[in-house]
Amino acid sequence: MRAAVLPLIALMAAAPGAPAARPAAPPAPDGYDARVRAAFRAAEAFQGPLDGGWTLSTRNGLAFGLQLVDHDGKLEGTWRDLRRPGALGAGGFVEVLERSASKVRLRFQPSGDLPISLLLHPSADHGWSGELRRGDQEFTFVLKRASP
């Protein structure tokens, strides 16, 4: 074992102050980046127009964050009351998600509050707008993309 250590010490002493040589990284296989981009595009093709993060706001101050999964025609989602950050019960799952050719219906139940129903219509600015119903109150809202 002593014989193996001595040549290593000799190599280190031969070039004082020189940085240690790093092994060269293996070259990337041909087409690797192209395959990664193609896989990303294929995954994106399964995502529908509602996939991602959204912010819902009304003129009277209601504000909710929505995270929706629109995958292969199926909708799932969660909501968060943006007026109560960090509060228990200020978020949950969207209970009803229905889509037709020109509209989407969502419903969720804030803790200790009336159920909220949304009827969404696509808007010209690539967002959504519609009507929010809470009990017997109705408000118009806009839904803007918050994240992809």
Protein backbone atom coordinates (compact mmCIF):
# COMPACT_ATOMS: atom_id res chain seq x y z
CA MET A 1 0.00 0.00 0.00
CA ARG A 2 2.91 2.31 0.77
CA ALA A 3 4.22 1.88 -2.79
CA ALA A 4 0.88 3.09 -4.23
CA VAL A 5 0.80 6.23 -2.09
CA LEU A 6 4.31 7.42 -2.90
CA PRO A 7 3.75 7.98 -6.67
CA LEU A 8 0.57 9.95 -5.84
CA ILE A 9 2.47 12.19 -3.45
CA ALA A 10 5.19 12.65 -6.06
CA LEU A 11 2.61 13.76 -8.63
CA MET A 12 1.11 16.28 -6.24
CA ALA A 13 4.52 17.68 -5.37
CA ALA A 14 5.60 17.92 -9.02
CA ALA A 15 3.27 20.80 -9.81
CA PRO A 16 3.04 23.06 -6.76
CA GLY A 17 0.20 25.57 -6.96
CA ALA A 18 -1.31 24.01 -10.07
CA PRO A 19 -5.02 23.30 -9.89
CA ALA A 20 -6.01 19.67 -9.72
CA ALA A 21 -6.89 18.31 -13.11
CA ARG A 22 -10.56 17.48 -13.53
CA PRO A 23 -11.59 14.63 -15.74
CA ALA A 24 -13.20 15.80 -18.95
CA ALA A 25 -16.99 15.47 -19.09
CA PRO A 26 -18.13 12.84 -21.54
CA PRO A 27 -19.55 14.38 -24.69
CA ALA A 28 -23.34 14.53 -24.90
CA PRO A 29 -24.80 11.91 -27.18
CA ASP A 30 -25.75 13.23 -30.61
CA GLY A 31 -29.30 14.57 -30.59
CA TYR A 32 -29.74 14.49 -26.81
CA ASP A 33 -30.97 18.11 -26.62
CA ALA A 34 -33.30 17.53 -29.56
CA ARG A 35 -34.79 14.48 -27.82
CA VAL A 36 -35.34 16.46 -24.61
CA ARG A 37 -37.11 19.23 -26.55
CA ALA A 38 -39.25 16.67 -28.40
CA ALA A 39 -40.27 14.99 -25.13
CA PHE A 40 -41.20 18.36 -23.65
CA ARG A 41 -43.36 19.22 -26.70
CA ALA A 42 -45.05 15.80 -26.52
CA ALA A 43 -45.92 16.34 -22.84
CA GLU A 44 -47.22 19.84 -23.61
CA ALA A 45 -49.50 18.43 -26.33
CA PHE A 46 -51.50 16.60 -23.67
CA GLN A 47 -52.10 19.78 -21.66
CA GLY A 48 -55.30 21.69 -22.27
CA PRO A 49 -55.84 25.45 -22.25
CA LEU A 50 -56.66 25.63 -18.53
CA ASP A 51 -53.55 23.80 -17.33
CA GLY A 52 -51.47 25.85 -14.89
CA GLY A 53 -51.86 28.55 -12.27
CA TRP A 54 -54.59 31.21 -12.44
CA THR A 55 -55.65 34.24 -10.42
CA LEU A 56 -59.35 35.04 -10.14
CA SER A 57 -60.38 38.54 -9.11
CA THR A 58 -63.69 40.41 -8.82
CA ARG A 59 -64.40 44.13 -8.54
CA ASN A 60 -65.59 43.75 -4.94
CA GLY A 61 -62.26 42.33 -3.77
CA LEU A 62 -62.71 38.57 -3.89
CA ALA A 63 -59.46 36.97 -5.00
CA PHE A 64 -58.65 33.30 -5.42
CA GLY A 65 -55.67 31.42 -6.76
CA LEU A 66 -56.47 28.34 -8.81
CA GLN A 67 -54.11 25.59 -9.85
CA LEU A 68 -55.70 23.50 -12.58
CA VAL A 69 -54.62 20.34 -14.34
CA ASP A 70 -56.14 20.04 -17.81
CA HIS A 71 -54.73 16.77 -19.10
CA ASP A 72 -56.15 14.83 -21.99
CA GLY A 73 -59.65 16.31 -21.54
CA LYS A 74 -59.83 15.75 -17.76
CA LEU A 75 -59.91 18.66 -15.31
CA GLU A 76 -58.73 18.68 -11.69
CA GLY A 77 -57.88 21.60 -9.47
CA THR A 78 -57.20 23.28 -6.18
CA TRP A 79 -58.11 26.76 -4.93
CA ARG A 80 -56.69 29.23 -2.40
CA ASP A 81 -58.30 32.38 -0.90
CA LEU A 82 -55.67 35.06 -1.63
CA ARG A 83 -57.20 37.43 0.94
CA ARG A 84 -56.24 35.02 3.76
CA PRO A 85 -52.64 33.88 3.12
CA GLY A 86 -51.56 31.08 5.40
CA ALA A 87 -54.97 30.70 7.06
CA LEU A 88 -56.24 27.21 7.77
CA GLY A 89 -59.25 26.37 5.65
CA ALA A 90 -58.36 29.02 3.05
CA GLY A 91 -57.79 26.43 0.35
CA GLY A 92 -58.91 23.08 -0.89
CA PHE A 93 -59.89 20.99 -3.86
CA VAL A 94 -62.22 22.13 -6.61
CA GLU A 95 -65.23 19.84 -6.22
CA VAL A 96 -66.91 20.16 -9.59
CA LEU A 97 -65.20 20.71 -12.89
CA GLU A 98 -67.28 20.46 -16.06
CA ARG A 99 -66.40 21.55 -19.56
CA SER A 100 -68.52 22.08 -22.65
CA ALA A 101 -67.57 23.51 -26.03
CA SER A 102 -67.75 27.15 -24.90
CA LYS A 103 -67.74 27.23 -21.10
CA VAL A 104 -66.32 25.67 -17.95
CA ARG A 105 -68.07 25.26 -14.58
CA LEU A 106 -66.15 25.09 -11.30
CA ARG A 107 -67.41 24.80 -7.72
CA PHE A 108 -65.63 24.83 -4.37
CA GLN A 109 -66.57 25.32 -0.72
CA PRO A 110 -64.51 27.66 1.48
CA SER A 111 -64.47 26.56 5.12
CA GLY A 112 -67.26 28.30 7.06
CA ASP A 113 -68.57 30.10 3.96
CA LEU A 114 -71.09 29.56 1.20
CA PRO A 115 -70.18 27.44 -1.83
CA ILE A 116 -68.69 29.33 -4.76
CA SER A 117 -69.72 28.47 -8.31
CA LEU A 118 -67.90 29.80 -11.35
CA LEU A 119 -69.02 29.88 -14.96
CA LEU A 120 -66.03 30.65 -17.20
CA HIS A 121 -65.99 31.84 -20.80
CA PRO A 122 -62.82 32.32 -22.88
CA SER A 123 -61.92 35.99 -23.29
CA ALA A 124 -60.15 37.75 -26.14
CA ASP A 125 -56.94 38.32 -24.12
CA HIS A 126 -56.24 34.55 -23.73
CA GLY A 127 -57.68 34.58 -20.23
CA TRP A 128 -61.15 33.76 -19.01
CA SER A 129 -64.03 35.78 -17.61
CA GLY A 130 -67.42 34.92 -16.23
CA GLU A 131 -69.81 34.90 -13.33
CA LEU A 132 -69.09 33.94 -9.73
CA ARG A 133 -72.03 32.96 -7.55
CA ARG A 134 -71.79 32.82 -3.74
CA GLY A 135 -75.16 32.10 -2.17
CA ASP A 136 -77.59 34.55 -3.78
CA GLN A 137 -74.83 37.04 -4.72
CA GLU A 138 -73.40 37.14 -8.23
CA PHE A 139 -70.20 38.88 -9.33
CA THR A 140 -68.34 39.15 -12.61
CA PHE A 141 -64.69 38.12 -12.56
CA VAL A 142 -61.59 37.82 -14.66
CA LEU A 143 -59.23 34.86 -14.60
CA LYS A 144 -55.63 35.60 -15.58
CA ARG A 145 -52.78 33.15 -15.96
CA ALA A 146 -50.45 33.29 -12.96
CA SER A 147 -47.98 30.57 -14.02
CA PRO A 148 -47.64 27.99 -16.76
